[in-house]
Amino acid sequence: MAQMTKMQTLGQIVRTTRKKQGLTQEQLAAVSGVGVRFVRELEQGKESCHIGKSLHILAMLGLDIQISGDNL
């Protein structure tokens, strides 16, 4: 599992997983109930992306994150 220390890393993981699953940004947005603009900004690593929506996108792609107490 990749260690996510930046939103850019999260965006790269989302983009890679989306493409592996054969989804377009439009399709991922539609099944996730978010706008295409949000998916684009998430994949670009935009720092201000809403965490709730970001976690929902991860769930739709079958991804999860682990938080270590060392990072808190």
Protein backbone atom coordinates (compact mmCIF):
# COMPACT_ATOMS: atom_id res chain seq x y z
CA MET A 1 0.00 0.00 0.00
CA ALA A 2 1.35 3.43 -0.92
CA GLN A 3 1.97 5.83 1.91
CA MET A 4 -0.11 8.94 1.37
CA THR A 5 1.63 12.02 2.63
CA LYS A 6 0.22 14.44 0.07
CA MET A 7 -3.08 14.97 -1.72
CA GLN A 8 -1.11 14.56 -4.96
CA THR A 9 -0.30 10.96 -3.98
CA LEU A 10 -3.96 10.28 -3.23
CA GLY A 11 -4.91 11.76 -6.60
CA GLN A 12 -2.44 9.52 -8.41
CA ILE A 13 -3.83 6.45 -6.65
CA VAL A 14 -7.41 7.41 -7.54
CA ARG A 15 -6.49 8.03 -11.19
CA THR A 16 -4.55 4.77 -11.52
CA THR A 17 -7.30 2.71 -9.88
CA ARG A 18 -10.04 4.38 -11.94
CA LYS A 19 -8.20 3.62 -15.17
CA LYS A 20 -7.47 0.01 -14.11
CA GLN A 21 -11.21 -0.42 -13.56
CA GLY A 22 -11.91 0.97 -17.04
CA LEU A 23 -13.82 4.00 -15.79
CA THR A 24 -13.79 7.50 -17.22
CA GLN A 25 -13.84 10.49 -14.90
CA GLU A 26 -17.43 11.05 -15.97
CA GLN A 27 -18.44 7.50 -15.09
CA LEU A 28 -16.74 7.63 -11.70
CA ALA A 29 -18.44 10.94 -10.95
CA ALA A 30 -21.83 9.52 -11.91
CA VAL A 31 -21.59 6.37 -9.76
CA SER A 32 -20.17 8.37 -6.86
CA GLY A 33 -22.76 11.12 -6.97
CA VAL A 34 -20.21 13.91 -7.36
CA GLY A 35 -19.40 16.27 -10.19
CA VAL A 36 -16.78 15.59 -12.84
CA ARG A 37 -14.96 18.72 -11.70
CA PHE A 38 -14.54 17.21 -8.24
CA VAL A 39 -13.04 14.00 -9.67
CA ARG A 40 -10.63 16.04 -11.80
CA GLU A 41 -9.55 18.17 -8.85
CA LEU A 42 -9.12 15.10 -6.64
CA GLU A 43 -6.95 13.40 -9.27
CA GLN A 44 -4.90 16.58 -9.62
CA GLY A 45 -4.22 16.55 -5.88
CA LYS A 46 -6.02 19.78 -5.11
CA GLU A 47 -5.48 20.45 -1.41
CA SER A 48 -8.96 21.83 -0.80
CA CYS A 49 -10.89 18.73 -1.91
CA HIS A 50 -13.67 17.86 0.53
CA ILE A 51 -12.55 14.90 2.67
CA GLY A 52 -16.01 13.32 2.86
CA LYS A 53 -16.40 13.24 -0.90
CA SER A 54 -12.81 12.04 -1.28
CA LEU A 55 -13.44 9.11 1.08
CA HIS A 56 -16.65 8.27 -0.81
CA ILE A 57 -14.70 8.12 -4.11
CA LEU A 58 -12.15 5.81 -2.47
CA ALA A 59 -14.94 3.54 -1.27
CA MET A 60 -16.53 3.43 -4.73
CA LEU A 61 -13.16 2.28 -6.12
CA GLY A 62 -12.76 -0.33 -3.40
CA LEU A 63 -9.86 1.53 -1.77
CA ASP A 64 -9.35 2.28 1.89
CA ILE A 65 -6.83 4.23 3.88
CA GLN A 66 -5.05 3.35 7.07
CA ILE A 67 -4.07 5.94 9.61
CA SER A 68 -1.18 5.16 11.85
CA GLY A 69 -0.88 6.61 15.34
CA ASP A 70 2.66 7.60 14.35
CA ASN A 71 1.21 10.12 11.91
CA LEU A 72 -1.01 11.85 14.44
